[in-house]
Amino acid sequence: MTAKEIHRLTREIQVWVYSAFGIILTIWIYASNNDWEFAKIQKELNQIIKNHENIIQMHGFYVDDSTNHISFDLIFNYKEENPEKIVRKIKKEIKNKFPDYEYSVIIDNDISE
């Protein structure tokens, strides 16, 4: 399999396991995009994320151009009481700018402290 295929498969598995059992798995590799159009989307997303003070980091940004699906992970600090609400808001904001894509966001845990 290519890195792109592995990324897609493991993301699907992760989303399915989380939906079915509420368990977050970390089982994939991160594929990356080398397309200017996708870099533009990532830049816009970074600007949106900067408006939310309790987000520590975004990583794993990937555009699957064969399915028009964008996935990324967000790490929130522990001060954020409702990360799901923030994720919904971010998804709405980025969808308004790039409506041709579907978005999936994994809320990652900050285990650094």
PDB file of N, CA and C in Angstrom:
ATOM      1  N   MET A   1       0.835  -1.178   0.000  1.00  0.00           N
ATOM      2  CA  MET A   1       0.000   0.000   0.000  1.00  0.00           C
ATOM      3  C   MET A   1       0.881   1.243   0.000  1.00  0.00           C
ATOM      4  N   THR A   2       0.356   2.299  -0.569  1.00  0.00           N
ATOM      5  CA  THR A   2       1.059   3.568  -0.511  1.00  0.00           C
ATOM      6  C   THR A   2       0.750   4.237   0.829  1.00  0.00           C
ATOM      7  N   ALA A   3       1.526   5.253   1.160  1.00  0.00           N
ATOM      8  CA  ALA A   3       1.271   5.995   2.398  1.00  0.00           C
ATOM      9  C   ALA A   3      -0.133   6.601   2.369  1.00  0.00           C
ATOM     10  N   LYS A   4      -0.548   7.052   1.217  1.00  0.00           N
ATOM     11  CA  LYS A   4      -1.882   7.628   1.076  1.00  0.00           C
ATOM     12  C   LYS A   4      -2.964   6.584   1.373  1.00  0.00           C
ATOM     13  N   GLU A   5      -2.800   5.394   0.856  1.00  0.00           N
ATOM     14  CA  GLU A   5      -3.778   4.324   1.099  1.00  0.00           C
ATOM     15  C   GLU A   5      -3.781   3.886   2.563  1.00  0.00           C
ATOM     16  N   ILE A   6      -2.600   3.787   3.154  1.00  0.00           N
ATOM     17  CA  ILE A   6      -2.508   3.410   4.570  1.00  0.00           C
ATOM     18  C   ILE A   6      -3.152   4.476   5.443  1.00  0.00           C
ATOM     19  N   HIS A   7      -2.881   5.735   5.138  1.00  0.00           N
ATOM     20  CA  HIS A   7      -3.474   6.831   5.900  1.00  0.00           C
ATOM     21  C   HIS A   7      -5.000   6.736   5.858  1.00  0.00           C
ATOM     22  N   ARG A   8      -5.552   6.556   4.682  1.00  0.00           N
ATOM     23  CA  ARG A   8      -7.008   6.479   4.516  1.00  0.00           C
ATOM     24  C   ARG A   8      -7.578   5.300   5.306  1.00  0.00           C
ATOM     25  N   LEU A   9      -6.972   4.137   5.174  1.00  0.00           N
ATOM     26  CA  LEU A   9      -7.455   2.936   5.849  1.00  0.00           C
ATOM     27  C   LEU A   9      -7.394   3.078   7.365  1.00  0.00           C
ATOM     28  N   THR A  10      -6.282   3.543   7.880  1.00  0.00           N
ATOM     29  CA  THR A  10      -6.156   3.631   9.334  1.00  0.00           C
ATOM     30  C   THR A  10      -7.065   4.714   9.908  1.00  0.00           C
ATOM     31  N   ARG A  11      -7.283   5.789   9.171  1.00  0.00           N
ATOM     32  CA  ARG A  11      -8.208   6.820   9.630  1.00  0.00           C
ATOM     33  C   ARG A  11      -9.626   6.254   9.699  1.00  0.00           C
ATOM     34  N   GLU A  12     -10.015   5.476   8.698  1.00  0.00           N
ATOM     35  CA  GLU A  12     -11.338   4.847   8.712  1.00  0.00           C
ATOM     36  C   GLU A  12     -11.491   3.902   9.903  1.00  0.00           C
ATOM     37  N   ILE A  13     -10.457   3.136  10.177  1.00  0.00           N
ATOM     38  CA  ILE A  13     -10.489   2.220  11.325  1.00  0.00           C
ATOM     39  C   ILE A  13     -10.610   3.011  12.620  1.00  0.00           C
ATOM     40  N   GLN A  14      -9.824   4.066  12.748  1.00  0.00           N
ATOM     41  CA  GLN A  14      -9.850   4.871  13.967  1.00  0.00           C
ATOM     42  C   GLN A  14     -11.233   5.472  14.196  1.00  0.00           C
ATOM     43  N   VAL A  15     -11.825   6.048  13.169  1.00  0.00           N
ATOM     44  CA  VAL A  15     -13.148   6.657  13.303  1.00  0.00           C
ATOM     45  C   VAL A  15     -14.187   5.597  13.655  1.00  0.00           C
ATOM     46  N   TRP A  16     -14.109   4.430  13.028  1.00  0.00           N
ATOM     47  CA  TRP A  16     -15.068   3.359  13.309  1.00  0.00           C
ATOM     48  C   TRP A  16     -14.953   2.880  14.758  1.00  0.00           C
ATOM     49  N   VAL A  17     -13.735   2.633  15.233  1.00  0.00           N
ATOM     50  CA  VAL A  17     -13.541   2.153  16.602  1.00  0.00           C
ATOM     51  C   VAL A  17     -14.016   3.210  17.604  1.00  0.00           C
ATOM     52  N   TYR A  18     -13.720   4.474  17.328  1.00  0.00           N
ATOM     53  CA  TYR A  18     -14.165   5.529  18.246  1.00  0.00           C
ATOM     54  C   TYR A  18     -15.693   5.604  18.271  1.00  0.00           C
ATOM     55  N   SER A  19     -16.320   5.544  17.097  1.00  0.00           N
ATOM     56  CA  SER A  19     -17.790   5.606  17.026  1.00  0.00           C
ATOM     57  C   SER A  19     -18.431   4.407  17.714  1.00  0.00           C
ATOM     58  N   ALA A  20     -17.856   3.245  17.537  1.00  0.00           N
ATOM     59  CA  ALA A  20     -18.446   2.019  18.080  1.00  0.00           C
ATOM     60  C   ALA A  20     -18.172   1.831  19.568  1.00  0.00           C
ATOM     61  N   PHE A  21     -16.970   2.213  20.024  1.00  0.00           N
ATOM     62  CA  PHE A  21     -16.559   1.877  21.380  1.00  0.00           C
ATOM     63  C   PHE A  21     -16.086   3.055  22.233  1.00  0.00           C
ATOM     64  N   GLY A  22     -15.963   4.243  21.624  1.00  0.00           N
ATOM     65  CA  GLY A  22     -15.473   5.399  22.374  1.00  0.00           C
ATOM     66  C   GLY A  22     -14.001   5.310  22.717  1.00  0.00           C
ATOM     67  N   ILE A  23     -13.259   4.547  21.946  1.00  0.00           N
ATOM     68  CA  ILE A  23     -11.825   4.351  22.182  1.00  0.00           C
ATOM     69  C   ILE A  23     -11.044   5.061  21.087  1.00  0.00           C
ATOM     70  N   ILE A  24     -10.052   5.857  21.494  1.00  0.00           N
ATOM     71  CA  ILE A  24      -9.194   6.528  20.526  1.00  0.00           C
ATOM     72  C   ILE A  24      -7.979   5.647  20.264  1.00  0.00           C
ATOM     73  N   LEU A  25      -7.796   5.279  19.022  1.00  0.00           N
ATOM     74  CA  LEU A  25      -6.630   4.487  18.620  1.00  0.00           C
ATOM     75  C   LEU A  25      -5.635   5.377  17.886  1.00  0.00           C
ATOM     76  N   THR A  26      -4.396   5.121  18.093  1.00  0.00           N
ATOM     77  CA  THR A  26      -3.351   5.776  17.318  1.00  0.00           C
ATOM     78  C   THR A  26      -2.632   4.679  16.553  1.00  0.00           C
ATOM     79  N   ILE A  27      -3.054   4.505  15.304  1.00  0.00           N
ATOM     80  CA  ILE A  27      -2.563   3.350  14.548  1.00  0.00           C
ATOM     81  C   ILE A  27      -2.103   3.688  13.144  1.00  0.00           C
ATOM     82  N   TRP A  28      -1.966   4.916  12.815  1.00  0.00           N
ATOM     83  CA  TRP A  28      -1.682   5.254  11.439  1.00  0.00           C
ATOM     84  C   TRP A  28      -0.374   5.988  11.275  1.00  0.00           C
ATOM     85  N   ILE A  29      -0.044   6.165  10.013  1.00  0.00           N
ATOM     86  CA  ILE A  29       1.049   7.057   9.643  1.00  0.00           C
ATOM     87  C   ILE A  29       0.403   8.323   9.102  1.00  0.00           C
ATOM     88  N   TYR A  30       1.136   9.383   9.064  1.00  0.00           N
ATOM     89  CA  TYR A  30       0.628  10.598   8.458  1.00  0.00           C
ATOM     90  C   TYR A  30       1.188  10.717   7.051  1.00  0.00           C
ATOM     91  N   ALA A  31       0.291  10.718   6.092  1.00  0.00           N
ATOM     92  CA  ALA A  31       0.680  11.041   4.729  1.00  0.00           C
ATOM     93  C   ALA A  31       0.668  12.564   4.624  1.00  0.00           C
ATOM     94  N   SER A  32       1.330  13.094   3.631  1.00  0.00           N
ATOM     95  CA  SER A  32       1.330  14.545   3.474  1.00  0.00           C
ATOM     96  C   SER A  32       0.985  14.897   2.035  1.00  0.00           C
ATOM     97  N   ASN A  33       0.492  16.101   1.871  1.00  0.00           N
ATOM     98  CA  ASN A  33       0.150  16.604   0.549  1.00  0.00           C
ATOM     99  C   ASN A  33       1.246  17.534   0.070  1.00  0.00           C
ATOM    100  N   ASN A  34       1.436  17.555  -1.225  1.00  0.00           N
ATOM    101  CA  ASN A  34       2.435  18.441  -1.816  1.00  0.00           C
ATOM    102  C   ASN A  34       1.795  19.339  -2.873  1.00  0.00           C
ATOM    103  N   ASP A  35       0.580  19.749  -2.631  1.00  0.00           N
ATOM    104  CA  ASP A  35      -0.174  20.519  -3.601  1.00  0.00           C
ATOM    105  C   ASP A  35      -0.418  21.918  -3.057  1.00  0.00           C
ATOM    106  N   TRP A  36      -0.198  22.940  -3.863  1.00  0.00           N
ATOM    107  CA  TRP A  36      -0.366  24.322  -3.432  1.00  0.00           C
ATOM    108  C   TRP A  36      -1.795  24.597  -2.952  1.00  0.00           C
ATOM    109  N   GLU A  37      -2.788  24.048  -3.649  1.00  0.00           N
ATOM    110  CA  GLU A  37      -4.183  24.271  -3.259  1.00  0.00           C
ATOM    111  C   GLU A  37      -4.441  23.783  -1.831  1.00  0.00           C
ATOM    112  N   PHE A  38      -3.873  22.647  -1.476  1.00  0.00           N
ATOM    113  CA  PHE A  38      -4.074  22.103  -0.139  1.00  0.00           C
ATOM    114  C   PHE A  38      -3.330  22.927   0.905  1.00  0.00           C
ATOM    115  N   ALA A  39      -2.193  23.469   0.538  1.00  0.00           N
ATOM    116  CA  ALA A  39      -1.460  24.345   1.458  1.00  0.00           C
ATOM    117  C   ALA A  39      -2.285  25.588   1.764  1.00  0.00           C
ATOM    118  N   LYS A  40      -3.024  26.068   0.795  1.00  0.00           N
ATOM    119  CA  LYS A  40      -3.902  27.223   0.997  1.00  0.00           C
ATOM    120  C   LYS A  40      -4.995  26.883   2.014  1.00  0.00           C
ATOM    121  N   ILE A  41      -5.576  25.705   1.897  1.00  0.00           N
ATOM    122  CA  ILE A  41      -6.608  25.274   2.846  1.00  0.00           C
ATOM    123  C   ILE A  41      -6.015  25.174   4.248  1.00  0.00           C
ATOM    124  N   GLN A  42      -4.836  24.571   4.350  1.00  0.00           N
ATOM    125  CA  GLN A  42      -4.192  24.422   5.655  1.00  0.00           C
ATOM    126  C   GLN A  42      -3.882  25.786   6.269  1.00  0.00           C
ATOM    127  N   LYS A  43      -3.454  26.721   5.467  1.00  0.00           N
ATOM    128  CA  LYS A  43      -3.158  28.064   5.970  1.00  0.00           C
ATOM    129  C   LYS A  43      -4.437  28.713   6.513  1.00  0.00           C
ATOM    130  N   GLU A  44      -5.529  28.611   5.790  1.00  0.00           N
ATOM    131  CA  GLU A  44      -6.809  29.162   6.251  1.00  0.00           C
ATOM    132  C   GLU A  44      -7.253  28.495   7.546  1.00  0.00           C
ATOM    133  N   LEU A  45      -7.092  27.181   7.603  1.00  0.00           N
ATOM    134  CA  LEU A  45      -7.465  26.444   8.808  1.00  0.00           C
ATOM    135  C   LEU A  45      -6.627  26.896  10.003  1.00  0.00           C
ATOM    136  N   ASN A  46      -5.341  27.097   9.789  1.00  0.00           N
ATOM    137  CA  ASN A  46      -4.474  27.589  10.865  1.00  0.00           C
ATOM    138  C   ASN A  46      -4.939  28.952  11.367  1.00  0.00           C
ATOM    139  N   GLN A  47      -5.391  29.806  10.462  1.00  0.00           N
ATOM    140  CA  GLN A  47      -5.893  31.121  10.868  1.00  0.00           C
ATOM    141  C   GLN A  47      -7.153  30.980  11.731  1.00  0.00           C
ATOM    142  N   ILE A  48      -8.031  30.077  11.346  1.00  0.00           N
ATOM    143  CA  ILE A  48      -9.254  29.831  12.119  1.00  0.00           C
ATOM    144  C   ILE A  48      -8.889  29.308  13.504  1.00  0.00           C
ATOM    145  N   ILE A  49      -7.971  28.379  13.556  1.00  0.00           N
ATOM    146  CA  ILE A  49      -7.578  27.760  14.829  1.00  0.00           C
ATOM    147  C   ILE A  49      -6.940  28.776  15.768  1.00  0.00           C
ATOM    148  N   LYS A  50      -6.202  29.736  15.228  1.00  0.00           N
ATOM    149  CA  LYS A  50      -5.563  30.759  16.061  1.00  0.00           C
ATOM    150  C   LYS A  50      -6.581  31.572  16.858  1.00  0.00           C
ATOM    151  N   ASN A  51      -7.819  31.593  16.407  1.00  0.00           N
ATOM    152  CA  ASN A  51      -8.866  32.344  17.111  1.00  0.00           C
ATOM    153  C   ASN A  51      -9.422  31.595  18.318  1.00  0.00           C
ATOM    154  N   HIS A  52      -8.922  30.414  18.581  1.00  0.00           N
ATOM    155  CA  HIS A  52      -9.405  29.591  19.689  1.00  0.00           C
ATOM    156  C   HIS A  52      -8.240  29.339  20.643  1.00  0.00           C
ATOM    157  N   GLU A  53      -8.246  30.049  21.751  1.00  0.00           N
ATOM    158  CA  GLU A  53      -7.089  30.094  22.641  1.00  0.00           C
ATOM    159  C   GLU A  53      -6.773  28.770  23.324  1.00  0.00           C
ATOM    160  N   ASN A  54      -7.722  27.873  23.461  1.00  0.00           N
ATOM    161  CA  ASN A  54      -7.458  26.627  24.179  1.00  0.00           C
ATOM    162  C   ASN A  54      -6.990  25.488  23.275  1.00  0.00           C
ATOM    163  N   ILE A  55      -6.696  25.800  22.029  1.00  0.00           N
ATOM    164  CA  ILE A  55      -6.123  24.791  21.140  1.00  0.00           C
ATOM    165  C   ILE A  55      -4.610  24.922  21.187  1.00  0.00           C
ATOM    166  N   ILE A  56      -3.964  23.841  21.538  1.00  0.00           N
ATOM    167  CA  ILE A  56      -2.503  23.827  21.647  1.00  0.00           C
ATOM    168  C   ILE A  56      -1.861  23.597  20.286  1.00  0.00           C
ATOM    169  N   GLN A  57      -2.475  22.698  19.504  1.00  0.00           N
ATOM    170  CA  GLN A  57      -1.815  22.298  18.262  1.00  0.00           C
ATOM    171  C   GLN A  57      -2.793  21.630  17.317  1.00  0.00           C
ATOM    172  N   MET A  58      -2.523  21.793  16.020  1.00  0.00           N
ATOM    173  CA  MET A  58      -3.163  20.985  14.995  1.00  0.00           C
ATOM    174  C   MET A  58      -2.061  20.152  14.341  1.00  0.00           C
ATOM    175  N   HIS A  59      -2.344  18.897  14.089  1.00  0.00           N
ATOM    176  CA  HIS A  59      -1.392  18.068  13.351  1.00  0.00           C
ATOM    177  C   HIS A  59      -2.164  17.040  12.533  1.00  0.00           C
ATOM    178  N   GLY A  60      -1.457  16.333  11.688  1.00  0.00           N
ATOM    179  CA  GLY A  60      -2.073  15.283  10.883  1.00  0.00           C
ATOM    180  C   GLY A  60      -2.951  15.804   9.768  1.00  0.00           C
ATOM    181  N   PHE A  61      -2.778  17.060   9.364  1.00  0.00           N
ATOM    182  CA  PHE A  61      -3.602  17.625   8.296  1.00  0.00           C
ATOM    183  C   PHE A  61      -3.358  16.850   7.009  1.00  0.00           C
ATOM    184  N   TYR A  62      -4.446  16.392   6.409  1.00  0.00           N
ATOM    185  CA  TYR A  62      -4.318  15.630   5.170  1.00  0.00           C
ATOM    186  C   TYR A  62      -5.571  15.785   4.333  1.00  0.00           C
ATOM    187  N   VAL A  63      -5.372  16.016   3.047  1.00  0.00           N
ATOM    188  CA  VAL A  63      -6.467  16.111   2.099  1.00  0.00           C
ATOM    189  C   VAL A  63      -6.433  14.863   1.223  1.00  0.00           C
ATOM    190  N   ASP A  64      -7.518  14.110   1.272  1.00  0.00           N
ATOM    191  CA  ASP A  64      -7.675  12.965   0.373  1.00  0.00           C
ATOM    192  C   ASP A  64      -8.463  13.479  -0.829  1.00  0.00           C
ATOM    193  N   ASP A  65      -7.737  13.819  -1.875  1.00  0.00           N
ATOM    194  CA  ASP A  65      -8.383  14.433  -3.026  1.00  0.00           C
ATOM    195  C   ASP A  65      -9.261  13.469  -3.812  1.00  0.00           C
ATOM    196  N   SER A  66      -9.107  12.178  -3.594  1.00  0.00           N
ATOM    197  CA  SER A  66      -9.968  11.217  -4.297  1.00  0.00           C
ATOM    198  C   SER A  66     -11.367  11.161  -3.702  1.00  0.00           C
ATOM    199  N   THR A  67     -11.512  11.602  -2.443  1.00  0.00           N
ATOM    200  CA  THR A  67     -12.823  11.587  -1.784  1.00  0.00           C
ATOM    201  C   THR A  67     -13.263  12.979  -1.316  1.00  0.00           C
ATOM    202  N   ASN A  68     -12.435  13.991  -1.579  1.00  0.00           N
ATOM    203  CA  ASN A  68     -12.700  15.357  -1.099  1.00  0.00           C
ATOM    204  C   ASN A  68     -12.918  15.379   0.412  1.00  0.00           C
ATOM    205  N   HIS A  69     -12.026  14.708   1.103  1.00  0.00           N
ATOM    206  CA  HIS A  69     -12.122  14.596   2.547  1.00  0.00           C
ATOM    207  C   HIS A  69     -10.855  15.149   3.178  1.00  0.00           C
ATOM    208  N   ILE A  70     -11.035  16.005   4.181  1.00  0.00           N
ATOM    209  CA  ILE A  70      -9.908  16.588   4.907  1.00  0.00           C
ATOM    210  C   ILE A  70      -9.966  16.114   6.348  1.00  0.00           C
ATOM    211  N   SER A  71      -8.846  15.628   6.842  1.00  0.00           N
ATOM    212  CA  SER A  71      -8.787  15.187   8.233  1.00  0.00           C
ATOM    213  C   SER A  71      -7.619  15.873   8.925  1.00  0.00           C
ATOM    214  N   PHE A  72      -7.807  16.089  10.219  1.00  0.00           N
ATOM    215  CA  PHE A  72      -6.741  16.646  11.045  1.00  0.00           C
ATOM    216  C   PHE A  72      -7.084  16.392  12.502  1.00  0.00           C
ATOM    217  N   ASP A  73      -6.076  16.526  13.343  1.00  0.00           N
ATOM    218  CA  ASP A  73      -6.233  16.331  14.780  1.00  0.00           C
ATOM    219  C   ASP A  73      -6.030  17.666  15.477  1.00  0.00           C
ATOM    220  N   LEU A  74      -6.742  17.856  16.573  1.00  0.00           N
ATOM    221  CA  LEU A  74      -6.567  19.044  17.402  1.00  0.00           C
ATOM    222  C   LEU A  74      -6.252  18.623  18.825  1.00  0.00           C
ATOM    223  N   ILE A  75      -5.296  19.295  19.417  1.00  0.00           N
ATOM    224  CA  ILE A  75      -4.983  19.080  20.828  1.00  0.00           C
ATOM    225  C   ILE A  75      -5.449  20.318  21.592  1.00  0.00           C
ATOM    226  N   PHE A  76      -6.298  20.092  22.573  1.00  0.00           N
ATOM    227  CA  PHE A  76      -6.806  21.161  23.430  1.00  0.00           C
ATOM    228  C   PHE A  76      -6.092  21.104  24.770  1.00  0.00           C
ATOM    229  N   ASN A  77      -5.939  22.270  25.400  1.00  0.00           N
ATOM    230  CA  ASN A  77      -5.442  22.231  26.761  1.00  0.00           C
ATOM    231  C   ASN A  77      -6.600  21.865  27.686  1.00  0.00           C
ATOM    232  N   TYR A  78      -6.279  21.572  28.904  1.00  0.00           N
ATOM    233  CA  TYR A  78      -7.290  21.074  29.836  1.00  0.00           C
ATOM    234  C   TYR A  78      -8.252  22.154  30.312  1.00  0.00           C
ATOM    235  N   LYS A  79      -7.992  23.407  29.987  1.00  0.00           N
ATOM    236  CA  LYS A  79      -8.906  24.483  30.353  1.00  0.00           C
ATOM    237  C   LYS A  79     -10.183  24.455  29.520  1.00  0.00           C
ATOM    238  N   GLU A  80     -10.102  23.843  28.339  1.00  0.00           N
ATOM    239  CA  GLU A  80     -11.269  23.820  27.455  1.00  0.00           C
ATOM    240  C   GLU A  80     -12.290  22.809  27.969  1.00  0.00           C
ATOM    241  N   GLU A  81     -13.450  23.326  28.339  1.00  0.00           N
ATOM    242  CA  GLU A  81     -14.494  22.476  28.909  1.00  0.00           C
ATOM    243  C   GLU A  81     -15.337  21.776  27.857  1.00  0.00           C
ATOM    244  N   ASN A  82     -15.382  22.302  26.632  1.00  0.00           N
ATOM    245  CA  ASN A  82     -16.235  21.711  25.610  1.00  0.00           C
ATOM    246  C   ASN A  82     -15.514  21.696  24.258  1.00  0.00           C
ATOM    247  N   PRO A  83     -14.509  20.831  24.098  1.00  0.00           N
ATOM    248  CA  PRO A  83     -13.779  20.808  22.828  1.00  0.00           C
ATOM    249  C   PRO A  83     -14.657  20.419  21.636  1.00  0.00           C
ATOM    250  N   GLU A  84     -15.677  19.590  21.864  1.00  0.00           N
ATOM    251  CA  GLU A  84     -16.562  19.191  20.766  1.00  0.00           C
ATOM    252  C   GLU A  84     -17.271  20.398  20.166  1.00  0.00           C
ATOM    253  N   LYS A  85     -17.664  21.335  21.010  1.00  0.00           N
ATOM    254  CA  LYS A  85     -18.329  22.556  20.543  1.00  0.00           C
ATOM    255  C   LYS A  85     -17.375  23.372  19.673  1.00  0.00           C
ATOM    256  N   ILE A  86     -16.132  23.483  20.098  1.00  0.00           N
ATOM    257  CA  ILE A  86     -15.134  24.227  19.326  1.00  0.00           C
ATOM    258  C   ILE A  86     -14.876  23.538  17.996  1.00  0.00           C
ATOM    259  N   VAL A  87     -14.794  22.217  17.996  1.00  0.00           N
ATOM    260  CA  VAL A  87     -14.581  21.471  16.753  1.00  0.00           C
ATOM    261  C   VAL A  87     -15.729  21.731  15.782  1.00  0.00           C
ATOM    262  N   ARG A  88     -16.961  21.697  16.271  1.00  0.00           N
ATOM    263  CA  ARG A  88     -18.113  21.977  15.388  1.00  0.00           C
ATOM    264  C   ARG A  88     -17.998  23.372  14.783  1.00  0.00           C
ATOM    265  N   LYS A  89     -17.595  24.341  15.584  1.00  0.00           N
ATOM    266  CA  LYS A  89     -17.450  25.715  15.111  1.00  0.00           C
ATOM    267  C   LYS A  89     -16.344  25.812  14.051  1.00  0.00           C
ATOM    268  N   ILE A  90     -15.214  25.179  14.307  1.00  0.00           N
ATOM    269  CA  ILE A  90     -14.101  25.199  13.347  1.00  0.00           C
ATOM    270  C   ILE A  90     -14.508  24.530  12.037  1.00  0.00           C
ATOM    271  N   LYS A  91     -15.172  23.386  12.136  1.00  0.00           N
ATOM    272  CA  LYS A  91     -15.619  22.695  10.927  1.00  0.00           C
ATOM    273  C   LYS A  91     -16.575  23.568  10.111  1.00  0.00           C
ATOM    274  N   LYS A  92     -17.459  24.265  10.790  1.00  0.00           N
ATOM    275  CA  LYS A  92     -18.401  25.151  10.096  1.00  0.00           C
ATOM    276  C   LYS A  92     -17.655  26.289   9.403  1.00  0.00           C
ATOM    277  N   GLU A  93     -16.688  26.877  10.090  1.00  0.00           N
ATOM    278  CA  GLU A  93     -15.928  27.990   9.522  1.00  0.00           C
ATOM    279  C   GLU A  93     -15.127  27.561   8.298  1.00  0.00           C
ATOM    280  N   ILE A  94     -14.444  26.419   8.394  1.00  0.00           N
ATOM    281  CA  ILE A  94     -13.627  25.982   7.253  1.00  0.00           C
ATOM    282  C   ILE A  94     -14.520  25.498   6.109  1.00  0.00           C
ATOM    283  N   LYS A  95     -15.653  24.894   6.437  1.00  0.00           N
ATOM    284  CA  LYS A  95     -16.601  24.443   5.409  1.00  0.00           C
ATOM    285  C   LYS A  95     -17.157  25.640   4.638  1.00  0.00           C
ATOM    286  N   ASN A  96     -17.362  26.773   5.319  1.00  0.00           N
ATOM    287  CA  ASN A  96     -17.831  27.979   4.639  1.00  0.00           C
ATOM    288  C   ASN A  96     -16.816  28.481   3.623  1.00  0.00           C
ATOM    289  N   LYS A  97     -15.539  28.286   3.911  1.00  0.00           N
ATOM    290  CA  LYS A  97     -14.483  28.739   2.998  1.00  0.00           C
ATOM    291  C   LYS A  97     -14.184  27.719   1.891  1.00  0.00           C
ATOM    292  N   PHE A  98     -14.323  26.439   2.218  1.00  0.00           N
ATOM    293  CA  PHE A  98     -14.022  25.371   1.260  1.00  0.00           C
ATOM    294  C   PHE A  98     -15.156  24.345   1.291  1.00  0.00           C
ATOM    295  N   PRO A  99     -16.291  24.687   0.687  1.00  0.00           N
ATOM    296  CA  PRO A  99     -17.494  23.854   0.819  1.00  0.00           C
ATOM    297  C   PRO A  99     -17.448  22.521   0.064  1.00  0.00           C
ATOM    298  N   ASP A 100     -16.499  22.344  -0.810  1.00  0.00           N
ATOM    299  CA  ASP A 100     -16.449  21.113  -1.604  1.00  0.00           C
ATOM    300  C   ASP A 100     -15.869  19.932  -0.839  1.00  0.00           C
ATOM    301  N   TYR A 101     -15.427  20.162   0.396  1.00  0.00           N
ATOM    302  CA  TYR A 101     -14.785  19.114   1.174  1.00  0.00           C
ATOM    303  C   TYR A 101     -15.628  18.726   2.383  1.00  0.00           C
ATOM    304  N   GLU A 102     -15.437  17.497   2.806  1.00  0.00           N
ATOM    305  CA  GLU A 102     -15.971  17.026   4.082  1.00  0.00           C
ATOM    306  C   GLU A 102     -14.796  17.003   5.059  1.00  0.00           C
ATOM    307  N   TYR A 103     -15.086  17.164   6.338  1.00  0.00           N
ATOM    308  CA  TYR A 103     -14.033  17.309   7.338  1.00  0.00           C
ATOM    309  C   TYR A 103     -14.238  16.333   8.488  1.00  0.00           C
ATOM    310  N   SER A 104     -13.150  15.726   8.911  1.00  0.00           N
ATOM    311  CA  SER A 104     -13.209  14.936  10.139  1.00  0.00           C
ATOM    312  C   SER A 104     -12.059  15.384  11.035  1.00  0.00           C
ATOM    313  N   VAL A 105     -12.399  15.536  12.299  1.00  0.00           N
ATOM    314  CA  VAL A 105     -11.444  16.055  13.273  1.00  0.00           C
ATOM    315  C   VAL A 105     -11.391  15.093  14.443  1.00  0.00           C
ATOM    316  N   ILE A 106     -10.204  14.724  14.819  1.00  0.00           N
ATOM    317  CA  ILE A 106      -9.990  13.913  15.994  1.00  0.00           C
ATOM    318  C   ILE A 106      -9.510  14.824  17.110  1.00  0.00           C
ATOM    319  N   ILE A 107     -10.164  14.745  18.254  1.00  0.00           N
ATOM    320  CA  ILE A 107      -9.706  15.476  19.427  1.00  0.00           C
ATOM    321  C   ILE A 107      -8.652  14.620  20.098  1.00  0.00           C
ATOM    322  N   ASP A 108      -7.437  15.106  20.057  1.00  0.00           N
ATOM    323  CA  ASP A 108      -6.305  14.377  20.601  1.00  0.00           C
ATOM    324  C   ASP A 108      -6.060  14.836  22.030  1.00  0.00           C
ATOM    325  N   ASN A 109      -5.452  13.992  22.817  1.00  0.00           N
ATOM    326  CA  ASN A 109      -5.161  14.318  24.212  1.00  0.00           C
ATOM    327  C   ASN A 109      -3.791  14.954  24.348  1.00  0.00           C
ATOM    328  N   ASP A 110      -3.698  15.950  25.200  1.00  0.00           N
ATOM    329  CA  ASP A 110      -2.415  16.557  25.528  1.00  0.00           C
ATOM    330  C   ASP A 110      -1.768  15.735  26.642  1.00  0.00           C
ATOM    331  N   ILE A 111      -0.823  14.916  26.261  1.00  0.00           N
ATOM    332  CA  ILE A 111      -0.162  14.052  27.251  1.00  0.00           C
ATOM    333  C   ILE A 111       1.229  14.563  27.593  1.00  0.00           C
ATOM    334  N   SER A 112       1.528  15.802  27.188  1.00  0.00           N
ATOM    335  CA  SER A 112       2.867  16.334  27.396  1.00  0.00           C
ATOM    336  C   SER A 112       3.107  16.785  28.831  1.00  0.00           C
ATOM    337  N   GLU A 113       2.033  17.019  29.576  1.00  0.00           N
ATOM    338  CA  GLU A 113       2.230  17.498  30.947  1.00  0.00           C
ATOM    339  C   GLU A 113       1.802  16.446  31.944  1.00  0.00           C
TER     340      GLU A 113
END
